[in-house]
Amino acid sequence: MNPERRIYPRLNVNIAAELSTREGETADVTLINLSLGGMLVEGGPEMAELKPPVQGAPLELYLHFGLADGPVHCLCRVVYNQRQSQRCLRYGLSILSVDHQASERLQAYIQQQLK
């Protein structure tokens, strides 16, 4: 059995979100879980169309979603992908950058939900 390597606790959620590339391509997704370090998103075939600008480069995407206290926008890197079915794909994302207010909003939301 693999030991847990995550630094931050994960919270299971069901939150509508959007992924976008620097070039403006988008895909609607659902957040499956989230933490201060990353999240798991699930979406349809349009997720597979999101490509890095240079073949072989890591795929970095903007993630946008809303919490009760306001929006969260962050830059993430895809650290793994997993096909669930022909029409369902999951991306494990690592947060590369997020503004201070959004980080505080995310932290407060996670702490509140874990109580």
PDB file of N, CA and C in Angstrom:
ATOM      1  N   MET A   1       0.845  -1.171   0.000  1.00  0.00           N
ATOM      2  CA  MET A   1       0.000   0.000   0.000  1.00  0.00           C
ATOM      3  C   MET A   1       0.897   1.243   0.000  1.00  0.00           C
ATOM      4  N   ASN A   2       0.552   2.237  -0.815  1.00  0.00           N
ATOM      5  CA  ASN A   2       1.329   3.474  -0.889  1.00  0.00           C
ATOM      6  C   ASN A   2       0.971   4.405   0.253  1.00  0.00           C
ATOM      7  N   PRO A   3       1.981   4.968   0.917  1.00  0.00           N
ATOM      8  CA  PRO A   3       1.675   5.950   1.957  1.00  0.00           C
ATOM      9  C   PRO A   3       1.165   7.243   1.322  1.00  0.00           C
ATOM     10  N   GLU A   4       0.319   7.955   2.038  1.00  0.00           N
ATOM     11  CA  GLU A   4      -0.224   9.237   1.569  1.00  0.00           C
ATOM     12  C   GLU A   4       0.915  10.239   1.461  1.00  0.00           C
ATOM     13  N   ARG A   5       1.080  10.864   0.279  1.00  0.00           N
ATOM     14  CA  ARG A   5       2.162  11.820   0.059  1.00  0.00           C
ATOM     15  C   ARG A   5       1.682  13.266   0.027  1.00  0.00           C
ATOM     16  N   ARG A   6       0.404  13.483   0.136  1.00  0.00           N
ATOM     17  CA  ARG A   6      -0.121  14.843   0.044  1.00  0.00           C
ATOM     18  C   ARG A   6       0.212  15.635   1.295  1.00  0.00           C
ATOM     19  N   ILE A   7       0.527  16.900   1.098  1.00  0.00           N
ATOM     20  CA  ILE A   7       0.834  17.804   2.207  1.00  0.00           C
ATOM     21  C   ILE A   7      -0.451  18.348   2.810  1.00  0.00           C
ATOM     22  N   TYR A   8      -1.430  18.654   1.957  1.00  0.00           N
ATOM     23  CA  TYR A   8      -2.673  19.286   2.390  1.00  0.00           C
ATOM     24  C   TYR A   8      -3.824  18.280   2.369  1.00  0.00           C
ATOM     25  N   PRO A   9      -4.776  18.419   3.289  1.00  0.00           N
ATOM     26  CA  PRO A   9      -5.931  17.515   3.263  1.00  0.00           C
ATOM     27  C   PRO A   9      -6.790  17.770   2.026  1.00  0.00           C
ATOM     28  N   ARG A  10      -7.349  16.699   1.474  1.00  0.00           N
ATOM     29  CA  ARG A  10      -8.243  16.776   0.319  1.00  0.00           C
ATOM     30  C   ARG A  10      -9.685  16.790   0.790  1.00  0.00           C
ATOM     31  N   LEU A  11     -10.472  17.591   0.122  1.00  0.00           N
ATOM     32  CA  LEU A  11     -11.891  17.716   0.426  1.00  0.00           C
ATOM     33  C   LEU A  11     -12.682  17.268  -0.798  1.00  0.00           C
ATOM     34  N   ASN A  12     -13.560  16.287  -0.640  1.00  0.00           N
ATOM     35  CA  ASN A  12     -14.418  15.861  -1.744  1.00  0.00           C
ATOM     36  C   ASN A  12     -15.493  16.916  -1.968  1.00  0.00           C
ATOM     37  N   VAL A  13     -15.658  17.325  -3.226  1.00  0.00           N
ATOM     38  CA  VAL A  13     -16.605  18.384  -3.576  1.00  0.00           C
ATOM     39  C   VAL A  13     -17.306  18.019  -4.887  1.00  0.00           C
ATOM     40  N   ASN A  14     -18.237  18.854  -5.269  1.00  0.00           N
ATOM     41  CA  ASN A  14     -18.913  18.759  -6.560  1.00  0.00           C
ATOM     42  C   ASN A  14     -19.195  20.195  -6.986  1.00  0.00           C
ATOM     43  N   ILE A  15     -18.204  20.839  -7.600  1.00  0.00           N
ATOM     44  CA  ILE A  15     -18.276  22.263  -7.934  1.00  0.00           C
ATOM     45  C   ILE A  15     -18.033  22.435  -9.434  1.00  0.00           C
ATOM     46  N   ALA A  16     -18.932  23.141 -10.104  1.00  0.00           N
ATOM     47  CA  ALA A  16     -18.752  23.449 -11.524  1.00  0.00           C
ATOM     48  C   ALA A  16     -17.554  24.373 -11.689  1.00  0.00           C
ATOM     49  N   ALA A  17     -16.757  24.117 -12.727  1.00  0.00           N
ATOM     50  CA  ALA A  17     -15.553  24.911 -12.963  1.00  0.00           C
ATOM     51  C   ALA A  17     -15.274  24.961 -14.462  1.00  0.00           C
ATOM     52  N   GLU A  18     -14.271  25.749 -14.816  1.00  0.00           N
ATOM     53  CA  GLU A  18     -13.861  25.850 -16.212  1.00  0.00           C
ATOM     54  C   GLU A  18     -12.344  25.818 -16.284  1.00  0.00           C
ATOM     55  N   LEU A  19     -11.830  25.059 -17.242  1.00  0.00           N
ATOM     56  CA  LEU A  19     -10.408  25.056 -17.558  1.00  0.00           C
ATOM     57  C   LEU A  19     -10.215  25.880 -18.814  1.00  0.00           C
ATOM     58  N   SER A  20      -9.101  26.612 -18.891  1.00  0.00           N
ATOM     59  CA  SER A  20      -8.800  27.343 -20.118  1.00  0.00           C
ATOM     60  C   SER A  20      -7.298  27.356 -20.356  1.00  0.00           C
ATOM     61  N   THR A  21      -6.929  27.435 -21.634  1.00  0.00           N
ATOM     62  CA  THR A  21      -5.526  27.528 -22.019  1.00  0.00           C
ATOM     63  C   THR A  21      -5.159  28.995 -22.200  1.00  0.00           C
ATOM     64  N   ARG A  22      -3.877  29.255 -22.353  1.00  0.00           N
ATOM     65  CA  ARG A  22      -3.417  30.626 -22.632  1.00  0.00           C
ATOM     66  C   ARG A  22      -3.972  31.121 -23.966  1.00  0.00           C
ATOM     67  N   GLU A  23      -4.258  30.185 -24.862  1.00  0.00           N
ATOM     68  CA  GLU A  23      -4.768  30.533 -26.190  1.00  0.00           C
ATOM     69  C   GLU A  23      -6.274  30.758 -26.200  1.00  0.00           C
ATOM     70  N   GLY A  24      -6.941  30.520 -25.060  1.00  0.00           N
ATOM     71  CA  GLY A  24      -8.369  30.790 -24.962  1.00  0.00           C
ATOM     72  C   GLY A  24      -9.284  29.599 -25.165  1.00  0.00           C
ATOM     73  N   GLU A  25      -8.732  28.410 -25.396  1.00  0.00           N
ATOM     74  CA  GLU A  25      -9.572  27.215 -25.493  1.00  0.00           C
ATOM     75  C   GLU A  25     -10.111  26.894 -24.103  1.00  0.00           C
ATOM     76  N   THR A  26     -11.360  26.421 -24.026  1.00  0.00           N
ATOM     77  CA  THR A  26     -11.969  26.154 -22.720  1.00  0.00           C
ATOM     78  C   THR A  26     -12.640  24.787 -22.688  1.00  0.00           C
ATOM     79  N   ALA A  27     -12.844  24.302 -21.468  1.00  0.00           N
ATOM     80  CA  ALA A  27     -13.596  23.069 -21.240  1.00  0.00           C
ATOM     81  C   ALA A  27     -14.312  23.195 -19.905  1.00  0.00           C
ATOM     82  N   ASP A  28     -15.594  22.867 -19.892  1.00  0.00           N
ATOM     83  CA  ASP A  28     -16.352  22.829 -18.642  1.00  0.00           C
ATOM     84  C   ASP A  28     -16.013  21.540 -17.909  1.00  0.00           C
ATOM     85  N   VAL A  29     -15.762  21.665 -16.602  1.00  0.00           N
ATOM     86  CA  VAL A  29     -15.384  20.516 -15.780  1.00  0.00           C
ATOM     87  C   VAL A  29     -16.108  20.589 -14.446  1.00  0.00           C
ATOM     88  N   THR A  30     -15.961  19.533 -13.669  1.00  0.00           N
ATOM     89  CA  THR A  30     -16.466  19.492 -12.303  1.00  0.00           C
ATOM     90  C   THR A  30     -15.303  19.191 -11.380  1.00  0.00           C
ATOM     91  N   LEU A  31     -15.164  19.999 -10.325  1.00  0.00           N
ATOM     92  CA  LEU A  31     -14.163  19.702  -9.299  1.00  0.00           C
ATOM     93  C   LEU A  31     -14.657  18.502  -8.504  1.00  0.00           C
ATOM     94  N   ILE A  32     -13.824  17.483  -8.378  1.00  0.00           N
ATOM     95  CA  ILE A  32     -14.163  16.269  -7.636  1.00  0.00           C
ATOM     96  C   ILE A  32     -13.592  16.350  -6.221  1.00  0.00           C
ATOM     97  N   ASN A  33     -12.376  16.868  -6.115  1.00  0.00           N
ATOM     98  CA  ASN A  33     -11.799  17.142  -4.799  1.00  0.00           C
ATOM     99  C   ASN A  33     -10.826  18.294  -4.931  1.00  0.00           C
ATOM    100  N   LEU A  34     -10.521  18.923  -3.787  1.00  0.00           N
ATOM    101  CA  LEU A  34      -9.585  20.031  -3.822  1.00  0.00           C
ATOM    102  C   LEU A  34      -8.830  20.150  -2.514  1.00  0.00           C
ATOM    103  N   SER A  35      -7.680  20.790  -2.616  1.00  0.00           N
ATOM    104  CA  SER A  35      -6.843  21.094  -1.463  1.00  0.00           C
ATOM    105  C   SER A  35      -6.105  22.383  -1.782  1.00  0.00           C
ATOM    106  N   LEU A  36      -5.273  22.831  -0.859  1.00  0.00           N
ATOM    107  CA  LEU A  36      -4.492  24.041  -1.113  1.00  0.00           C
ATOM    108  C   LEU A  36      -3.380  23.798  -2.127  1.00  0.00           C
ATOM    109  N   GLY A  37      -3.059  22.544  -2.391  1.00  0.00           N
ATOM    110  CA  GLY A  37      -1.979  22.231  -3.319  1.00  0.00           C
ATOM    111  C   GLY A  37      -2.431  21.759  -4.683  1.00  0.00           C
ATOM    112  N   GLY A  38      -3.686  21.324  -4.797  1.00  0.00           N
ATOM    113  CA  GLY A  38      -4.140  20.815  -6.077  1.00  0.00           C
ATOM    114  C   GLY A  38      -5.564  20.325  -6.015  1.00  0.00           C
ATOM    115  N   MET A  39      -6.004  19.741  -7.113  1.00  0.00           N
ATOM    116  CA  MET A  39      -7.374  19.263  -7.191  1.00  0.00           C
ATOM    117  C   MET A  39      -7.523  18.222  -8.280  1.00  0.00           C
ATOM    118  N   LEU A  40      -8.658  17.549  -8.238  1.00  0.00           N
ATOM    119  CA  LEU A  40      -9.033  16.583  -9.265  1.00  0.00           C
ATOM    120  C   LEU A  40     -10.255  17.133  -9.975  1.00  0.00           C
ATOM    121  N   VAL A  41     -10.184  17.195 -11.309  1.00  0.00           N
ATOM    122  CA  VAL A  41     -11.320  17.668 -12.099  1.00  0.00           C
ATOM    123  C   VAL A  41     -11.746  16.571 -13.065  1.00  0.00           C
ATOM    124  N   GLU A  42     -13.027  16.608 -13.413  1.00  0.00           N
ATOM    125  CA  GLU A  42     -13.588  15.621 -14.333  1.00  0.00           C
ATOM    126  C   GLU A  42     -14.371  16.352 -15.407  1.00  0.00           C
ATOM    127  N   GLY A  43     -14.244  15.893 -16.639  1.00  0.00           N
ATOM    128  CA  GLY A  43     -14.963  16.526 -17.730  1.00  0.00           C
ATOM    129  C   GLY A  43     -15.131  15.591 -18.909  1.00  0.00           C
ATOM    130  N   GLY A  44     -15.640  16.148 -19.982  1.00  0.00           N
ATOM    131  CA  GLY A  44     -15.926  15.382 -21.186  1.00  0.00           C
ATOM    132  C   GLY A  44     -14.779  15.389 -22.176  1.00  0.00           C
ATOM    133  N   PRO A  45     -15.064  14.941 -23.390  1.00  0.00           N
ATOM    134  CA  PRO A  45     -14.033  14.796 -24.421  1.00  0.00           C
ATOM    135  C   PRO A  45     -13.306  16.096 -24.768  1.00  0.00           C
ATOM    136  N   GLU A  46     -13.951  17.242 -24.542  1.00  0.00           N
ATOM    137  CA  GLU A  46     -13.291  18.518 -24.864  1.00  0.00           C
ATOM    138  C   GLU A  46     -12.037  18.739 -24.023  1.00  0.00           C
ATOM    139  N   MET A  47     -11.933  18.074 -22.870  1.00  0.00           N
ATOM    140  CA  MET A  47     -10.709  18.191 -22.061  1.00  0.00           C
ATOM    141  C   MET A  47      -9.503  17.661 -22.824  1.00  0.00           C
ATOM    142  N   ALA A  48      -9.693  16.592 -23.587  1.00  0.00           N
ATOM    143  CA  ALA A  48      -8.591  15.988 -24.343  1.00  0.00           C
ATOM    144  C   ALA A  48      -8.096  16.909 -25.446  1.00  0.00           C
ATOM    145  N   GLU A  49      -8.914  17.890 -25.836  1.00  0.00           N
ATOM    146  CA  GLU A  49      -8.524  18.842 -26.878  1.00  0.00           C
ATOM    147  C   GLU A  49      -7.606  19.945 -26.351  1.00  0.00           C
ATOM    148  N   LEU A  50      -7.515  20.098 -25.045  1.00  0.00           N
ATOM    149  CA  LEU A  50      -6.644  21.118 -24.457  1.00  0.00           C
ATOM    150  C   LEU A  50      -5.210  20.615 -24.520  1.00  0.00           C
ATOM    151  N   LYS A  51      -4.375  21.298 -25.262  1.00  0.00           N
ATOM    152  CA  LYS A  51      -2.994  20.858 -25.503  1.00  0.00           C
ATOM    153  C   LYS A  51      -2.013  21.951 -25.090  1.00  0.00           C
ATOM    154  N   PRO A  52      -0.774  21.561 -24.721  1.00  0.00           N
ATOM    155  CA  PRO A  52       0.245  22.575 -24.444  1.00  0.00           C
ATOM    156  C   PRO A  52       0.642  23.276 -25.744  1.00  0.00           C
ATOM    157  N   PRO A  53       1.164  24.510 -25.648  1.00  0.00           N
ATOM    158  CA  PRO A  53       1.534  25.246 -26.860  1.00  0.00           C
ATOM    159  C   PRO A  53       2.673  24.577 -27.632  1.00  0.00           C
ATOM    160  N   VAL A  54       3.524  23.827 -26.922  1.00  0.00           N
ATOM    161  CA  VAL A  54       4.636  23.118 -27.550  1.00  0.00           C
ATOM    162  C   VAL A  54       4.487  21.637 -27.222  1.00  0.00           C
ATOM    163  N   GLN A  55       4.492  20.798 -28.243  1.00  0.00           N
ATOM    164  CA  GLN A  55       4.332  19.362 -28.017  1.00  0.00           C
ATOM    165  C   GLN A  55       5.420  18.856 -27.075  1.00  0.00           C
ATOM    166  N   GLY A  56       5.015  18.076 -26.085  1.00  0.00           N
ATOM    167  CA  GLY A  56       5.956  17.532 -25.113  1.00  0.00           C
ATOM    168  C   GLY A  56       6.125  18.387 -23.872  1.00  0.00           C
ATOM    169  N   ALA A  57       5.659  19.629 -23.928  1.00  0.00           N
ATOM    170  CA  ALA A  57       5.738  20.513 -22.753  1.00  0.00           C
ATOM    171  C   ALA A  57       4.633  20.126 -21.775  1.00  0.00           C
ATOM    172  N   PRO A  58       4.824  20.441 -20.482  1.00  0.00           N
ATOM    173  CA  PRO A  58       3.748  20.170 -19.523  1.00  0.00           C
ATOM    174  C   PRO A  58       2.501  20.988 -19.878  1.00  0.00           C
ATOM    175  N   LEU A  59       1.343  20.414 -19.629  1.00  0.00           N
ATOM    176  CA  LEU A  59       0.088  21.117 -19.895  1.00  0.00           C
ATOM    177  C   LEU A  59      -0.264  21.977 -18.691  1.00  0.00           C
ATOM    178  N   GLU A  60      -0.253  23.291 -18.882  1.00  0.00           N
ATOM    179  CA  GLU A  60      -0.622  24.241 -17.836  1.00  0.00           C
ATOM    180  C   GLU A  60      -1.930  24.904 -18.238  1.00  0.00           C
ATOM    181  N   LEU A  61      -2.865  24.925 -17.291  1.00  0.00           N
ATOM    182  CA  LEU A  61      -4.212  25.421 -17.556  1.00  0.00           C
ATOM    183  C   LEU A  61      -4.652  26.379 -16.464  1.00  0.00           C
ATOM    184  N   TYR A  62      -5.511  27.305 -16.833  1.00  0.00           N
ATOM    185  CA  TYR A  62      -6.159  28.161 -15.846  1.00  0.00           C
ATOM    186  C   TYR A  62      -7.433  27.458 -15.396  1.00  0.00           C
ATOM    187  N   LEU A  63      -7.664  27.464 -14.093  1.00  0.00           N
ATOM    188  CA  LEU A  63      -8.875  26.882 -13.527  1.00  0.00           C
ATOM    189  C   LEU A  63      -9.673  28.001 -12.884  1.00  0.00           C
ATOM    190  N   HIS A  64     -10.956  28.070 -13.194  1.00  0.00           N
ATOM    191  CA  HIS A  64     -11.846  29.106 -12.674  1.00  0.00           C
ATOM    192  C   HIS A  64     -13.060  28.434 -12.043  1.00  0.00           C
ATOM    193  N   PHE A  65     -13.361  28.802 -10.788  1.00  0.00           N
ATOM    194  CA  PHE A  65     -14.569  28.295 -10.133  1.00  0.00           C
ATOM    195  C   PHE A  65     -14.982  29.269  -9.049  1.00  0.00           C
ATOM    196  N   GLY A  66     -16.198  29.116  -8.576  1.00  0.00           N
ATOM    197  CA  GLY A  66     -16.720  30.031  -7.572  1.00  0.00           C
ATOM    198  C   GLY A  66     -16.980  29.343  -6.251  1.00  0.00           C
ATOM    199  N   LEU A  67     -16.714  30.069  -5.177  1.00  0.00           N
ATOM    200  CA  LEU A  67     -17.083  29.662  -3.827  1.00  0.00           C
ATOM    201  C   LEU A  67     -18.044  30.711  -3.290  1.00  0.00           C
ATOM    202  N   ALA A  68     -18.670  30.450  -2.163  1.00  0.00           N
ATOM    203  CA  ALA A  68     -19.641  31.394  -1.598  1.00  0.00           C
ATOM    204  C   ALA A  68     -19.029  32.774  -1.378  1.00  0.00           C
ATOM    205  N   ASP A  69     -17.745  32.826  -1.015  1.00  0.00           N
ATOM    206  CA  ASP A  69     -17.074  34.100  -0.735  1.00  0.00           C
ATOM    207  C   ASP A  69     -16.559  34.802  -1.979  1.00  0.00           C
ATOM    208  N   GLY A  70     -16.610  34.151  -3.132  1.00  0.00           N
ATOM    209  CA  GLY A  70     -16.138  34.779  -4.355  1.00  0.00           C
ATOM    210  C   GLY A  70     -15.427  33.799  -5.270  1.00  0.00           C
ATOM    211  N   PRO A  71     -14.921  34.310  -6.392  1.00  0.00           N
ATOM    212  CA  PRO A  71     -14.301  33.441  -7.390  1.00  0.00           C
ATOM    213  C   PRO A  71     -12.876  33.037  -7.012  1.00  0.00           C
ATOM    214  N   VAL A  72     -12.454  31.913  -7.590  1.00  0.00           N
ATOM    215  CA  VAL A  72     -11.070  31.454  -7.466  1.00  0.00           C
ATOM    216  C   VAL A  72     -10.547  31.238  -8.883  1.00  0.00           C
ATOM    217  N   HIS A  73      -9.414  31.849  -9.175  1.00  0.00           N
ATOM    218  CA  HIS A  73      -8.739  31.685 -10.461  1.00  0.00           C
ATOM    219  C   HIS A  73      -7.310  31.270 -10.145  1.00  0.00           C
ATOM    220  N   CYS A  74      -6.852  30.181 -10.735  1.00  0.00           N
ATOM    221  CA  CYS A  74      -5.484  29.747 -10.480  1.00  0.00           C
ATOM    222  C   CYS A  74      -4.882  29.123 -11.733  1.00  0.00           C
ATOM    223  N   LEU A  75      -3.559  29.144 -11.775  1.00  0.00           N
ATOM    224  CA  LEU A  75      -2.810  28.489 -12.839  1.00  0.00           C
ATOM    225  C   LEU A  75      -2.368  27.137 -12.309  1.00  0.00           C
ATOM    226  N   CYS A  76      -2.645  26.082 -13.066  1.00  0.00           N
ATOM    227  CA  CYS A  76      -2.354  24.716 -12.617  1.00  0.00           C
ATOM    228  C   CYS A  76      -1.583  23.954 -13.689  1.00  0.00           C
ATOM    229  N   ARG A  77      -0.901  22.918 -13.246  1.00  0.00           N
ATOM    230  CA  ARG A  77      -0.228  21.987 -14.155  1.00  0.00           C
ATOM    231  C   ARG A  77      -0.904  20.626 -14.035  1.00  0.00           C
ATOM    232  N   VAL A  78      -1.156  20.004 -15.170  1.00  0.00           N
ATOM    233  CA  VAL A  78      -1.709  18.648 -15.168  1.00  0.00           C
ATOM    234  C   VAL A  78      -0.587  17.695 -14.767  1.00  0.00           C
ATOM    235  N   VAL A  79      -0.778  16.992 -13.646  1.00  0.00           N
ATOM    236  CA  VAL A  79       0.241  16.055 -13.175  1.00  0.00           C
ATOM    237  C   VAL A  79      -0.114  14.613 -13.537  1.00  0.00           C
ATOM    238  N   TYR A  80      -1.368  14.357 -13.813  1.00  0.00           N
ATOM    239  CA  TYR A  80      -1.758  13.060 -14.373  1.00  0.00           C
ATOM    240  C   TYR A  80      -3.134  13.180 -15.002  1.00  0.00           C
ATOM    241  N   ASN A  81      -3.414  12.277 -15.930  1.00  0.00           N
ATOM    242  CA  ASN A  81      -4.762  12.204 -16.494  1.00  0.00           C
ATOM    243  C   ASN A  81      -5.191  10.751 -16.512  1.00  0.00           C
ATOM    244  N   GLN A  82      -6.492  10.570 -16.416  1.00  0.00           N
ATOM    245  CA  GLN A  82      -7.050   9.229 -16.320  1.00  0.00           C
ATOM    246  C   GLN A  82      -8.384   9.208 -17.056  1.00  0.00           C
ATOM    247  N   ARG A  83      -8.503   8.323 -18.010  1.00  0.00           N
ATOM    248  CA  ARG A  83      -9.765   8.182 -18.731  1.00  0.00           C
ATOM    249  C   ARG A  83     -10.682   7.279 -17.924  1.00  0.00           C
ATOM    250  N   GLN A  84     -11.872   7.785 -17.586  1.00  0.00           N
ATOM    251  CA  GLN A  84     -12.861   7.021 -16.836  1.00  0.00           C
ATOM    252  C   GLN A  84     -13.752   6.203 -17.763  1.00  0.00           C
ATOM    253  N   SER A  85     -14.042   6.778 -18.923  1.00  0.00           N
ATOM    254  CA  SER A  85     -14.860   6.123 -19.939  1.00  0.00           C
ATOM    255  C   SER A  85     -14.592   6.852 -21.249  1.00  0.00           C
ATOM    256  N   GLN A  86     -15.284   6.453 -22.294  1.00  0.00           N
ATOM    257  CA  GLN A  86     -15.074   7.099 -23.590  1.00  0.00           C
ATOM    258  C   GLN A  86     -15.387   8.594 -23.528  1.00  0.00           C
ATOM    259  N   ARG A  87     -16.337   8.980 -22.683  1.00  0.00           N
ATOM    260  CA  ARG A  87     -16.765  10.378 -22.629  1.00  0.00           C
ATOM    261  C   ARG A  87     -16.403  11.077 -21.323  1.00  0.00           C
ATOM    262  N   CYS A  88     -15.541  10.477 -20.527  1.00  0.00           N
ATOM    263  CA  CYS A  88     -15.210  11.059 -19.222  1.00  0.00           C
ATOM    264  C   CYS A  88     -13.711  10.950 -18.957  1.00  0.00           C
ATOM    265  N   LEU A  89     -13.102  12.090 -18.650  1.00  0.00           N
ATOM    266  CA  LEU A  89     -11.666  12.176 -18.405  1.00  0.00           C
ATOM    267  C   LEU A  89     -11.434  12.908 -17.094  1.00  0.00           C
ATOM    268  N   ARG A  90     -10.411  12.515 -16.363  1.00  0.00           N
ATOM    269  CA  ARG A  90     -10.037  13.209 -15.127  1.00  0.00           C
ATOM    270  C   ARG A  90      -8.605  13.714 -15.235  1.00  0.00           C
ATOM    271  N   TYR A  91      -8.386  14.921 -14.715  1.00  0.00           N
ATOM    272  CA  TYR A  91      -7.047  15.498 -14.602  1.00  0.00           C
ATOM    273  C   TYR A  91      -6.740  15.740 -13.139  1.00  0.00           C
ATOM    274  N   GLY A  92      -5.579  15.302 -12.705  1.00  0.00           N
ATOM    275  CA  GLY A  92      -5.041  15.692 -11.413  1.00  0.00           C
ATOM    276  C   GLY A  92      -4.224  16.951 -11.636  1.00  0.00           C
ATOM    277  N   LEU A  93      -4.543  18.014 -10.924  1.00  0.00           N
ATOM    278  CA  LEU A  93      -3.898  19.312 -11.122  1.00  0.00           C
ATOM    279  C   LEU A  93      -3.100  19.716  -9.898  1.00  0.00           C
ATOM    280  N   SER A  94      -1.952  20.308 -10.141  1.00  0.00           N
ATOM    281  CA  SER A  94      -1.136  20.903  -9.088  1.00  0.00           C
ATOM    282  C   SER A  94      -1.198  22.416  -9.270  1.00  0.00           C
ATOM    283  N   ILE A  95      -1.465  23.145  -8.201  1.00  0.00           N
ATOM    284  CA  ILE A  95      -1.563  24.606  -8.300  1.00  0.00           C
ATOM    285  C   ILE A  95      -0.165  25.204  -8.434  1.00  0.00           C
ATOM    286  N   LEU A  96       0.034  25.987  -9.487  1.00  0.00           N
ATOM    287  CA  LEU A  96       1.297  26.694  -9.693  1.00  0.00           C
ATOM    288  C   LEU A  96       1.246  28.094  -9.105  1.00  0.00           C
ATOM    289  N   SER A  97       0.122  28.774  -9.300  1.00  0.00           N
ATOM    290  CA  SER A  97      -0.018  30.116  -8.731  1.00  0.00           C
ATOM    291  C   SER A  97      -1.489  30.449  -8.534  1.00  0.00           C
ATOM    292  N   VAL A  98      -1.725  31.203  -7.472  1.00  0.00           N
ATOM    293  CA  VAL A  98      -3.064  31.675  -7.139  1.00  0.00           C
ATOM    294  C   VAL A  98      -2.871  32.967  -6.356  1.00  0.00           C
ATOM    295  N   ASP A  99      -3.732  33.958  -6.579  1.00  0.00           N
ATOM    296  CA  ASP A  99      -3.550  35.214  -5.857  1.00  0.00           C
ATOM    297  C   ASP A  99      -3.877  35.028  -4.373  1.00  0.00           C
ATOM    298  N   HIS A 100      -3.382  35.938  -3.564  1.00  0.00           N
ATOM    299  CA  HIS A 100      -3.478  35.828  -2.106  1.00  0.00           C
ATOM    300  C   HIS A 100      -4.929  35.732  -1.631  1.00  0.00           C
ATOM    301  N   GLN A 101      -5.801  36.572  -2.163  1.00  0.00           N
ATOM    302  CA  GLN A 101      -7.212  36.553  -1.745  1.00  0.00           C
ATOM    303  C   GLN A 101      -7.875  35.221  -2.071  1.00  0.00           C
ATOM    304  N   ALA A 102      -7.626  34.703  -3.258  1.00  0.00           N
ATOM    305  CA  ALA A 102      -8.219  33.423  -3.648  1.00  0.00           C
ATOM    306  C   ALA A 102      -7.666  32.294  -2.789  1.00  0.00           C
ATOM    307  N   SER A 103      -6.391  32.359  -2.454  1.00  0.00           N
ATOM    308  CA  SER A 103      -5.784  31.346  -1.588  1.00  0.00           C
ATOM    309  C   SER A 103      -6.428  31.362  -0.206  1.00  0.00           C
ATOM    310  N   GLU A 104      -6.645  32.552   0.339  1.00  0.00           N
ATOM    311  CA  GLU A 104      -7.309  32.670   1.644  1.00  0.00           C
ATOM    312  C   GLU A 104      -8.749  32.160   1.571  1.00  0.00           C
ATOM    313  N   ARG A 105      -9.440  32.470   0.482  1.00  0.00           N
ATOM    314  CA  ARG A 105     -10.816  32.016   0.269  1.00  0.00           C
ATOM    315  C   ARG A 105     -10.866  30.484   0.220  1.00  0.00           C
ATOM    316  N   LEU A 106      -9.929  29.905  -0.498  1.00  0.00           N
ATOM    317  CA  LEU A 106      -9.850  28.455  -0.622  1.00  0.00           C
ATOM    318  C   LEU A 106      -9.544  27.803   0.723  1.00  0.00           C
ATOM    319  N   GLN A 107      -8.600  28.371   1.450  1.00  0.00           N
ATOM    320  CA  GLN A 107      -8.235  27.833   2.762  1.00  0.00           C
ATOM    321  C   GLN A 107      -9.418  27.894   3.727  1.00  0.00           C
ATOM    322  N   ALA A 108     -10.124  29.014   3.759  1.00  0.00           N
ATOM    323  CA  ALA A 108     -11.278  29.163   4.649  1.00  0.00           C
ATOM    324  C   ALA A 108     -12.373  28.161   4.281  1.00  0.00           C
ATOM    325  N   TYR A 109     -12.615  27.978   2.990  1.00  0.00           N
ATOM    326  CA  TYR A 109     -13.642  27.035   2.541  1.00  0.00           C
ATOM    327  C   TYR A 109     -13.299  25.614   2.980  1.00  0.00           C
ATOM    328  N   ILE A 110     -12.064  25.201   2.764  1.00  0.00           N
ATOM    329  CA  ILE A 110     -11.649  23.843   3.129  1.00  0.00           C
ATOM    330  C   ILE A 110     -11.744  23.638   4.632  1.00  0.00           C
ATOM    331  N   GLN A 111     -11.255  24.598   5.408  1.00  0.00           N
ATOM    332  CA  GLN A 111     -11.316  24.466   6.869  1.00  0.00           C
ATOM    333  C   GLN A 111     -12.757  24.379   7.356  1.00  0.00           C
ATOM    334  N   GLN A 112     -13.632  25.198   6.788  1.00  0.00           N
ATOM    335  CA  GLN A 112     -15.043  25.193   7.181  1.00  0.00           C
ATOM    336  C   GLN A 112     -15.691  23.843   6.858  1.00  0.00           C
ATOM    337  N   GLN A 113     -15.395  23.291   5.695  1.00  0.00           N
ATOM    338  CA  GLN A 113     -16.006  22.026   5.278  1.00  0.00           C
ATOM    339  C   GLN A 113     -15.470  20.828   6.059  1.00  0.00           C
ATOM    340  N   LEU A 114     -14.240  20.917   6.548  1.00  0.00           N
ATOM    341  CA  LEU A 114     -13.638  19.803   7.288  1.00  0.00           C
ATOM    342  C   LEU A 114     -14.077  19.751   8.744  1.00  0.00           C
ATOM    343  N   LYS A 115     -14.766  20.789   9.226  1.00  0.00           N
ATOM    344  CA  LYS A 115     -15.223  20.811  10.628  1.00  0.00           C
ATOM    345  C   LYS A 115     -16.318  19.809  10.862  1.00  0.00           C
TER     346      LYS A 115
END
